[in-house]
Amino acid sequence: MLCDVPCSGFGVIRRKPEIKYKPQESLQGLPAIQGNILQTSASYVKEGGMLIYSTCTIAKRENEQVVDEFLRRNPAFVPAKLPGFLH
C-alpha cells in the first residue's frame, strides 16, 4: 500500500518556488491529515504486506514525526529499510 499524502511540498521548492508563498496557517493541519490517511490505509494492508509512506517535503513534522506517531499507535507495523533508498 502506497500512501503518497498531501504535504507542504518543501522538498520540491526548487521546481515549484510558489510554495514559499503559501500561508503558514494552511500547512498547520497537514500532519493530522497525513496521520489519518496513514492510519486508514493501514487497515487495508494484508498480512505480510508493506505500507509505504511518501511525501515530497523535507519537514520532520510531516515525515519522521508522523511515522513515529503511527508506529507508536500501531506496534504491529515495523520500519523496514528499502534497498537503494536513503534512510
PDB file of N, CA and C in Angstrom:
ATOM      1  N   MET A   1       0.862  -1.162   0.000  1.00  0.00           N
ATOM      2  CA  MET A   1       0.000   0.000   0.000  1.00  0.00           C
ATOM      3  C   MET A   1       0.904   1.218   0.000  1.00  0.00           C
ATOM      4  N   LEU A   2       0.687   2.114  -0.929  1.00  0.00           N
ATOM      5  CA  LEU A   2       1.468   3.348  -1.014  1.00  0.00           C
ATOM      6  C   LEU A   2       0.606   4.520  -0.571  1.00  0.00           C
ATOM      7  N   CYS A   3       1.082   5.241   0.433  1.00  0.00           N
ATOM      8  CA  CYS A   3       0.410   6.458   0.902  1.00  0.00           C
ATOM      9  C   CYS A   3       1.236   7.659   0.461  1.00  0.00           C
ATOM     10  N   ASP A   4       0.872   8.255  -0.639  1.00  0.00           N
ATOM     11  CA  ASP A   4       1.513   9.475  -1.123  1.00  0.00           C
ATOM     12  C   ASP A   4       0.605  10.621  -0.686  1.00  0.00           C
ATOM     13  N   VAL A   5       0.857  11.106   0.515  1.00  0.00           N
ATOM     14  CA  VAL A   5      -0.066  12.036   1.175  1.00  0.00           C
ATOM     15  C   VAL A   5       0.150  13.483   0.749  1.00  0.00           C
ATOM     16  N   PRO A   6      -0.881  14.313   0.893  1.00  0.00           N
ATOM     17  CA  PRO A   6      -0.704  15.740   0.616  1.00  0.00           C
ATOM     18  C   PRO A   6       0.283  16.325   1.618  1.00  0.00           C
ATOM     19  N   CYS A   7       1.141  17.225   1.142  1.00  0.00           N
ATOM     20  CA  CYS A   7       2.155  17.781   2.029  1.00  0.00           C
ATOM     21  C   CYS A   7       2.461  19.224   1.643  1.00  0.00           C
ATOM     22  N   SER A   8       3.360  19.839   2.410  1.00  0.00           N
ATOM     23  CA  SER A   8       3.746  21.230   2.159  1.00  0.00           C
ATOM     24  C   SER A   8       4.556  21.372   0.884  1.00  0.00           C
ATOM     25  N   GLY A   9       5.241  20.324   0.459  1.00  0.00           N
ATOM     26  CA  GLY A   9       5.999  20.351  -0.787  1.00  0.00           C
ATOM     27  C   GLY A   9       7.369  20.994  -0.690  1.00  0.00           C
ATOM     28  N   PHE A  10       7.882  21.202   0.514  1.00  0.00           N
ATOM     29  CA  PHE A  10       9.160  21.892   0.655  1.00  0.00           C
ATOM     30  C   PHE A  10      10.338  21.142   0.038  1.00  0.00           C
ATOM     31  N   GLY A  11      10.162  19.883  -0.254  1.00  0.00           N
ATOM     32  CA  GLY A  11      11.229  19.122  -0.901  1.00  0.00           C
ATOM     33  C   GLY A  11      11.351  19.391  -2.389  1.00  0.00           C
ATOM     34  N   VAL A  12      10.351  20.023  -2.966  1.00  0.00           N
ATOM     35  CA  VAL A  12      10.381  20.337  -4.408  1.00  0.00           C
ATOM     36  C   VAL A  12      10.290  21.843  -4.651  1.00  0.00           C
ATOM     37  N   ILE A  13      10.667  22.611  -3.653  1.00  0.00           N
ATOM     38  CA  ILE A  13      10.530  24.075  -3.739  1.00  0.00           C
ATOM     39  C   ILE A  13      11.354  24.668  -4.885  1.00  0.00           C
ATOM     40  N   ARG A  14      12.424  23.992  -5.258  1.00  0.00           N
ATOM     41  CA  ARG A  14      13.247  24.492  -6.368  1.00  0.00           C
ATOM     42  C   ARG A  14      12.467  24.452  -7.687  1.00  0.00           C
ATOM     43  N   ARG A  15      11.644  23.403  -7.860  1.00  0.00           N
ATOM     44  CA  ARG A  15      10.854  23.278  -9.088  1.00  0.00           C
ATOM     45  C   ARG A  15       9.523  24.011  -8.984  1.00  0.00           C
ATOM     46  N   LYS A  16       9.090  24.269  -7.757  1.00  0.00           N
ATOM     47  CA  LYS A  16       7.816  24.957  -7.537  1.00  0.00           C
ATOM     48  C   LYS A  16       8.027  26.098  -6.537  1.00  0.00           C
ATOM     49  N   PRO A  17       8.706  27.164  -6.934  1.00  0.00           N
ATOM     50  CA  PRO A  17       9.045  28.232  -5.993  1.00  0.00           C
ATOM     51  C   PRO A  17       7.841  28.937  -5.374  1.00  0.00           C
ATOM     52  N   GLU A  18       6.682  28.804  -5.993  1.00  0.00           N
ATOM     53  CA  GLU A  18       5.481  29.451  -5.439  1.00  0.00           C
ATOM     54  C   GLU A  18       5.088  28.873  -4.083  1.00  0.00           C
ATOM     55  N   ILE A  19       5.605  27.700  -3.755  1.00  0.00           N
ATOM     56  CA  ILE A  19       5.292  27.051  -2.473  1.00  0.00           C
ATOM     57  C   ILE A  19       5.681  27.951  -1.302  1.00  0.00           C
ATOM     58  N   LYS A  20       6.773  28.686  -1.445  1.00  0.00           N
ATOM     59  CA  LYS A  20       7.232  29.514  -0.325  1.00  0.00           C
ATOM     60  C   LYS A  20       6.258  30.641   0.010  1.00  0.00           C
ATOM     61  N   TYR A  21       5.289  30.901  -0.860  1.00  0.00           N
ATOM     62  CA  TYR A  21       4.310  31.943  -0.606  1.00  0.00           C
ATOM     63  C   TYR A  21       3.013  31.427   0.010  1.00  0.00           C
ATOM     64  N   LYS A  22       2.938  30.115   0.231  1.00  0.00           N
ATOM     65  CA  LYS A  22       1.751  29.559   0.884  1.00  0.00           C
ATOM     66  C   LYS A  22       1.661  30.110   2.309  1.00  0.00           C
ATOM     67  N   PRO A  23       0.482  30.490   2.742  1.00  0.00           N
ATOM     68  CA  PRO A  23       0.337  30.935   4.138  1.00  0.00           C
ATOM     69  C   PRO A  23       0.659  29.783   5.091  1.00  0.00           C
ATOM     70  N   GLN A  24       1.471  30.039   6.092  1.00  0.00           N
ATOM     71  CA  GLN A  24       1.861  29.009   7.051  1.00  0.00           C
ATOM     72  C   GLN A  24       0.653  28.375   7.743  1.00  0.00           C
ATOM     73  N   GLU A  25      -0.402  29.141   7.940  1.00  0.00           N
ATOM     74  CA  GLU A  25      -1.606  28.597   8.585  1.00  0.00           C
ATOM     75  C   GLU A  25      -2.203  27.456   7.769  1.00  0.00           C
ATOM     76  N   SER A  26      -2.066  27.523   6.456  1.00  0.00           N
ATOM     77  CA  SER A  26      -2.644  26.490   5.598  1.00  0.00           C
ATOM     78  C   SER A  26      -1.901  25.160   5.716  1.00  0.00           C
ATOM     79  N   LEU A  27      -0.711  25.186   6.310  1.00  0.00           N
ATOM     80  CA  LEU A  27       0.097  23.978   6.439  1.00  0.00           C
ATOM     81  C   LEU A  27      -0.003  23.337   7.825  1.00  0.00           C
ATOM     82  N   GLN A  28      -0.573  24.041   8.772  1.00  0.00           N
ATOM     83  CA  GLN A  28      -0.595  23.581  10.160  1.00  0.00           C
ATOM     84  C   GLN A  28      -1.291  22.240  10.344  1.00  0.00           C
ATOM     85  N   GLY A  29      -2.368  22.009   9.634  1.00  0.00           N
ATOM     86  CA  GLY A  29      -3.149  20.788   9.817  1.00  0.00           C
ATOM     87  C   GLY A  29      -2.653  19.590   9.028  1.00  0.00           C
ATOM     88  N   LEU A  30      -1.615  19.767   8.236  1.00  0.00           N
ATOM     89  CA  LEU A  30      -1.141  18.676   7.380  1.00  0.00           C
ATOM     90  C   LEU A  30      -0.727  17.415   8.138  1.00  0.00           C
ATOM     91  N   PRO A  31       0.053  17.515   9.224  1.00  0.00           N
ATOM     92  CA  PRO A  31       0.432  16.280   9.921  1.00  0.00           C
ATOM     93  C   PRO A  31      -0.772  15.456  10.404  1.00  0.00           C
ATOM     94  N   ALA A  32      -1.817  16.104  10.851  1.00  0.00           N
ATOM     95  CA  ALA A  32      -3.013  15.370  11.295  1.00  0.00           C
ATOM     96  C   ALA A  32      -3.681  14.675  10.111  1.00  0.00           C
ATOM     97  N   ILE A  33      -3.778  15.360   8.990  1.00  0.00           N
ATOM     98  CA  ILE A  33      -4.368  14.766   7.777  1.00  0.00           C
ATOM     99  C   ILE A  33      -3.519  13.587   7.309  1.00  0.00           C
ATOM    100  N   GLN A  34      -2.204  13.785   7.295  1.00  0.00           N
ATOM    101  CA  GLN A  34      -1.292  12.726   6.876  1.00  0.00           C
ATOM    102  C   GLN A  34      -1.419  11.510   7.785  1.00  0.00           C
ATOM    103  N   GLY A  35      -1.464  11.759   9.089  1.00  0.00           N
ATOM    104  CA  GLY A  35      -1.612  10.666  10.049  1.00  0.00           C
ATOM    105  C   GLY A  35      -2.916   9.912   9.865  1.00  0.00           C
ATOM    106  N   ASN A  36      -3.992  10.628   9.591  1.00  0.00           N
ATOM    107  CA  ASN A  36      -5.292   9.979   9.371  1.00  0.00           C
ATOM    108  C   ASN A  36      -5.276   9.117   8.111  1.00  0.00           C
ATOM    109  N   ILE A  37      -4.661   9.618   7.058  1.00  0.00           N
ATOM    110  CA  ILE A  37      -4.557   8.838   5.820  1.00  0.00           C
ATOM    111  C   ILE A  37      -3.731   7.583   6.058  1.00  0.00           C
ATOM    112  N   LEU A  38      -2.622   7.731   6.767  1.00  0.00           N
ATOM    113  CA  LEU A  38      -1.756   6.592   7.063  1.00  0.00           C
ATOM    114  C   LEU A  38      -2.493   5.556   7.910  1.00  0.00           C
ATOM    115  N   GLN A  39      -3.214   6.011   8.919  1.00  0.00           N
ATOM    116  CA  GLN A  39      -3.959   5.106   9.799  1.00  0.00           C
ATOM    117  C   GLN A  39      -5.047   4.362   9.021  1.00  0.00           C
ATOM    118  N   THR A  40      -5.782   5.068   8.200  1.00  0.00           N
ATOM    119  CA  THR A  40      -6.838   4.438   7.408  1.00  0.00           C
ATOM    120  C   THR A  40      -6.249   3.437   6.420  1.00  0.00           C
ATOM    121  N   SER A  41      -5.169   3.821   5.765  1.00  0.00           N
ATOM    122  CA  SER A  41      -4.523   2.933   4.792  1.00  0.00           C
ATOM    123  C   SER A  41      -4.010   1.660   5.440  1.00  0.00           C
ATOM    124  N   ALA A  42      -3.568   1.763   6.673  1.00  0.00           N
ATOM    125  CA  ALA A  42      -3.031   0.595   7.385  1.00  0.00           C
ATOM    126  C   ALA A  42      -4.060  -0.525   7.487  1.00  0.00           C
ATOM    127  N   SER A  43      -5.322  -0.169   7.549  1.00  0.00           N
ATOM    128  CA  SER A  43      -6.362  -1.194   7.688  1.00  0.00           C
ATOM    129  C   SER A  43      -6.546  -2.007   6.404  1.00  0.00           C
ATOM    130  N   TYR A  44      -5.970  -1.541   5.301  1.00  0.00           N
ATOM    131  CA  TYR A  44      -6.083  -2.258   4.026  1.00  0.00           C
ATOM    132  C   TYR A  44      -4.856  -3.106   3.686  1.00  0.00           C
ATOM    133  N   VAL A  45      -3.845  -3.055   4.538  1.00  0.00           N
ATOM    134  CA  VAL A  45      -2.622  -3.821   4.288  1.00  0.00           C
ATOM    135  C   VAL A  45      -2.858  -5.268   4.700  1.00  0.00           C
ATOM    136  N   LYS A  46      -2.621  -6.172   3.772  1.00  0.00           N
ATOM    137  CA  LYS A  46      -2.789  -7.596   4.059  1.00  0.00           C
ATOM    138  C   LYS A  46      -1.641  -8.080   4.931  1.00  0.00           C
ATOM    139  N   GLU A  47      -1.866  -9.171   5.636  1.00  0.00           N
ATOM    140  CA  GLU A  47      -0.828  -9.761   6.471  1.00  0.00           C
ATOM    141  C   GLU A  47       0.416 -10.029   5.613  1.00  0.00           C
ATOM    142  N   GLY A  48       1.553  -9.577   6.098  1.00  0.00           N
ATOM    143  CA  GLY A  48       2.798  -9.733   5.363  1.00  0.00           C
ATOM    144  C   GLY A  48       3.025  -8.651   4.324  1.00  0.00           C
ATOM    145  N   GLY A  49       2.060  -7.747   4.177  1.00  0.00           N
ATOM    146  CA  GLY A  49       2.172  -6.676   3.189  1.00  0.00           C
ATOM    147  C   GLY A  49       3.043  -5.545   3.677  1.00  0.00           C
ATOM    148  N   MET A  50       3.156  -4.513   2.851  1.00  0.00           N
ATOM    149  CA  MET A  50       4.006  -3.376   3.176  1.00  0.00           C
ATOM    150  C   MET A  50       3.202  -2.093   3.010  1.00  0.00           C
ATOM    151  N   LEU A  51       3.408  -1.175   3.939  1.00  0.00           N
ATOM    152  CA  LEU A  51       2.793   0.149   3.902  1.00  0.00           C
ATOM    153  C   LEU A  51       3.914   1.160   3.711  1.00  0.00           C
ATOM    154  N   ILE A  52       3.871   1.904   2.622  1.00  0.00           N
ATOM    155  CA  ILE A  52       4.907   2.886   2.325  1.00  0.00           C
ATOM    156  C   ILE A  52       4.308   4.277   2.455  1.00  0.00           C
ATOM    157  N   TYR A  53       4.977   5.119   3.244  1.00  0.00           N
ATOM    158  CA  TYR A  53       4.548   6.495   3.475  1.00  0.00           C
ATOM    159  C   TYR A  53       5.447   7.415   2.664  1.00  0.00           C
ATOM    160  N   SER A  54       4.843   8.285   1.858  1.00  0.00           N
ATOM    161  CA  SER A  54       5.617   9.131   0.954  1.00  0.00           C
ATOM    162  C   SER A  54       5.123  10.572   0.988  1.00  0.00           C
ATOM    163  N   THR A  55       6.083  11.497   1.050  1.00  0.00           N
ATOM    164  CA  THR A  55       5.783  12.922   0.895  1.00  0.00           C
ATOM    165  C   THR A  55       6.840  13.532  -0.016  1.00  0.00           C
ATOM    166  N   CYS A  56       6.619  14.765  -0.434  1.00  0.00           N
ATOM    167  CA  CYS A  56       7.636  15.484  -1.208  1.00  0.00           C
ATOM    168  C   CYS A  56       8.132  16.680  -0.404  1.00  0.00           C
ATOM    169  N   THR A  57       8.194  16.492   0.899  1.00  0.00           N
ATOM    170  CA  THR A  57       8.677  17.564   1.767  1.00  0.00           C
ATOM    171  C   THR A  57       9.880  17.085   2.562  1.00  0.00           C
ATOM    172  N   ILE A  58      10.592  18.039   3.132  1.00  0.00           N
ATOM    173  CA  ILE A  58      11.719  17.712   3.996  1.00  0.00           C
ATOM    174  C   ILE A  58      11.400  18.027   5.454  1.00  0.00           C
ATOM    175  N   ALA A  59      10.169  18.424   5.719  1.00  0.00           N
ATOM    176  CA  ALA A  59       9.759  18.819   7.067  1.00  0.00           C
ATOM    177  C   ALA A  59       9.621  17.603   7.981  1.00  0.00           C
ATOM    178  N   LYS A  60      10.371  17.612   9.083  1.00  0.00           N
ATOM    179  CA  LYS A  60      10.314  16.495  10.036  1.00  0.00           C
ATOM    180  C   LYS A  60       8.917  16.298  10.602  1.00  0.00           C
ATOM    181  N   ARG A  61       8.176  17.372  10.806  1.00  0.00           N
ATOM    182  CA  ARG A  61       6.834  17.244  11.383  1.00  0.00           C
ATOM    183  C   ARG A  61       5.866  16.542  10.432  1.00  0.00           C
ATOM    184  N   GLU A  62       6.213  16.502   9.139  1.00  0.00           N
ATOM    185  CA  GLU A  62       5.383  15.813   8.159  1.00  0.00           C
ATOM    186  C   GLU A  62       5.952  14.447   7.775  1.00  0.00           C
ATOM    187  N   ASN A  63       7.142  14.153   8.198  1.00  0.00           N
ATOM    188  CA  ASN A  63       7.781  12.885   7.860  1.00  0.00           C
ATOM    189  C   ASN A  63       8.016  12.058   9.120  1.00  0.00           C
ATOM    190  N   GLU A  64       9.167  12.259   9.760  1.00  0.00           N
ATOM    191  CA  GLU A  64       9.541  11.446  10.907  1.00  0.00           C
ATOM    192  C   GLU A  64       8.503  11.476  12.017  1.00  0.00           C
ATOM    193  N   GLN A  65       7.975  12.656  12.308  1.00  0.00           N
ATOM    194  CA  GLN A  65       7.028  12.750  13.421  1.00  0.00           C
ATOM    195  C   GLN A  65       5.713  12.035  13.129  1.00  0.00           C
ATOM    196  N   VAL A  66       5.237  12.107  11.900  1.00  0.00           N
ATOM    197  CA  VAL A  66       4.007  11.394  11.525  1.00  0.00           C
ATOM    198  C   VAL A  66       4.240   9.891  11.608  1.00  0.00           C
ATOM    199  N   VAL A  67       5.362   9.431  11.079  1.00  0.00           N
ATOM    200  CA  VAL A  67       5.670   8.000  11.101  1.00  0.00           C
ATOM    201  C   VAL A  67       5.889   7.518  12.534  1.00  0.00           C
ATOM    202  N   ASP A  68       6.623   8.276  13.342  1.00  0.00           N
ATOM    203  CA  ASP A  68       6.852   7.885  14.740  1.00  0.00           C
ATOM    204  C   ASP A  68       5.539   7.742  15.506  1.00  0.00           C
ATOM    205  N   GLU A  69       4.640   8.684  15.299  1.00  0.00           N
ATOM    206  CA  GLU A  69       3.332   8.623  15.977  1.00  0.00           C
ATOM    207  C   GLU A  69       2.544   7.409  15.492  1.00  0.00           C
ATOM    208  N   PHE A  70       2.567   7.154  14.193  1.00  0.00           N
ATOM    209  CA  PHE A  70       1.872   5.986  13.649  1.00  0.00           C
ATOM    210  C   PHE A  70       2.428   4.698  14.260  1.00  0.00           C
ATOM    211  N   LEU A  71       3.739   4.571  14.302  1.00  0.00           N
ATOM    212  CA  LEU A  71       4.363   3.358  14.847  1.00  0.00           C
ATOM    213  C   LEU A  71       4.066   3.200  16.332  1.00  0.00           C
ATOM    214  N   ARG A  72       4.002   4.307  17.057  1.00  0.00           N
ATOM    215  CA  ARG A  72       3.658   4.256  18.490  1.00  0.00           C
ATOM    216  C   ARG A  72       2.246   3.693  18.680  1.00  0.00           C
ATOM    217  N   ARG A  73       1.337   4.078  17.817  1.00  0.00           N
ATOM    218  CA  ARG A  73      -0.060   3.633  17.927  1.00  0.00           C
ATOM    219  C   ARG A  73      -0.313   2.272  17.281  1.00  0.00           C
ATOM    220  N   ASN A  74       0.617   1.823  16.452  1.00  0.00           N
ATOM    221  CA  ASN A  74       0.437   0.584  15.694  1.00  0.00           C
ATOM    222  C   ASN A  74       1.670  -0.305  15.810  1.00  0.00           C
ATOM    223  N   PRO A  75       1.851  -0.947  16.965  1.00  0.00           N
ATOM    224  CA  PRO A  75       3.069  -1.732  17.184  1.00  0.00           C
ATOM    225  C   PRO A  75       3.216  -2.943  16.259  1.00  0.00           C
ATOM    226  N   ALA A  76       2.171  -3.348  15.568  1.00  0.00           N
ATOM    227  CA  ALA A  76       2.279  -4.471  14.629  1.00  0.00           C
ATOM    228  C   ALA A  76       3.077  -4.077  13.386  1.00  0.00           C
ATOM    229  N   PHE A  77       3.215  -2.780  13.138  1.00  0.00           N
ATOM    230  CA  PHE A  77       3.998  -2.296  11.997  1.00  0.00           C
ATOM    231  C   PHE A  77       5.414  -1.981  12.468  1.00  0.00           C
ATOM    232  N   VAL A  78       6.384  -2.363  11.671  1.00  0.00           N
ATOM    233  CA  VAL A  78       7.784  -2.081  11.998  1.00  0.00           C
ATOM    234  C   VAL A  78       8.454  -1.454  10.772  1.00  0.00           C
ATOM    235  N   PRO A  79       9.358  -0.508  11.011  1.00  0.00           N
ATOM    236  CA  PRO A  79      10.039   0.112   9.867  1.00  0.00           C
ATOM    237  C   PRO A  79      10.942  -0.892   9.161  1.00  0.00           C
ATOM    238  N   ALA A  80      11.045  -0.742   7.865  1.00  0.00           N
ATOM    239  CA  ALA A  80      11.910  -1.605   7.060  1.00  0.00           C
ATOM    240  C   ALA A  80      12.768  -0.739   6.154  1.00  0.00           C
ATOM    241  N   LYS A  81      13.999  -1.159   5.965  1.00  0.00           N
ATOM    242  CA  LYS A  81      14.880  -0.450   5.042  1.00  0.00           C
ATOM    243  C   LYS A  81      14.654  -0.985   3.646  1.00  0.00           C
ATOM    244  N   LEU A  82      14.501  -0.084   2.699  1.00  0.00           N
ATOM    245  CA  LEU A  82      14.321  -0.475   1.311  1.00  0.00           C
ATOM    246  C   LEU A  82      15.645  -0.309   0.573  1.00  0.00           C
ATOM    247  N   PRO A  83      16.092  -1.323  -0.117  1.00  0.00           N
ATOM    248  CA  PRO A  83      17.358  -1.212  -0.849  1.00  0.00           C
ATOM    249  C   PRO A  83      17.338  -0.045  -1.834  1.00  0.00           C
ATOM    250  N   GLY A  84      18.409   0.724  -1.852  1.00  0.00           N
ATOM    251  CA  GLY A  84      18.519   1.813  -2.807  1.00  0.00           C
ATOM    252  C   GLY A  84      17.917   3.128  -2.361  1.00  0.00           C
ATOM    253  N   PHE A  85      17.346   3.169  -1.154  1.00  0.00           N
ATOM    254  CA  PHE A  85      16.749   4.406  -0.650  1.00  0.00           C
ATOM    255  C   PHE A  85      17.553   4.917   0.528  1.00  0.00           C
ATOM    256  N   LEU A  86      17.601   6.247   0.668  1.00  0.00           N
ATOM    257  CA  LEU A  86      18.283   6.848   1.810  1.00  0.00           C
ATOM    258  C   LEU A  86      17.426   6.679   3.048  1.00  0.00           C
ATOM    259  N   HIS A  87      18.065   6.591   4.188  1.00  0.00           N
ATOM    260  CA  HIS A  87      17.336   6.464   5.463  1.00  0.00           C
ATOM    261  C   HIS A  87      17.792   7.526   6.418  1.00  0.00           C
TER     262      HIS A  87
END
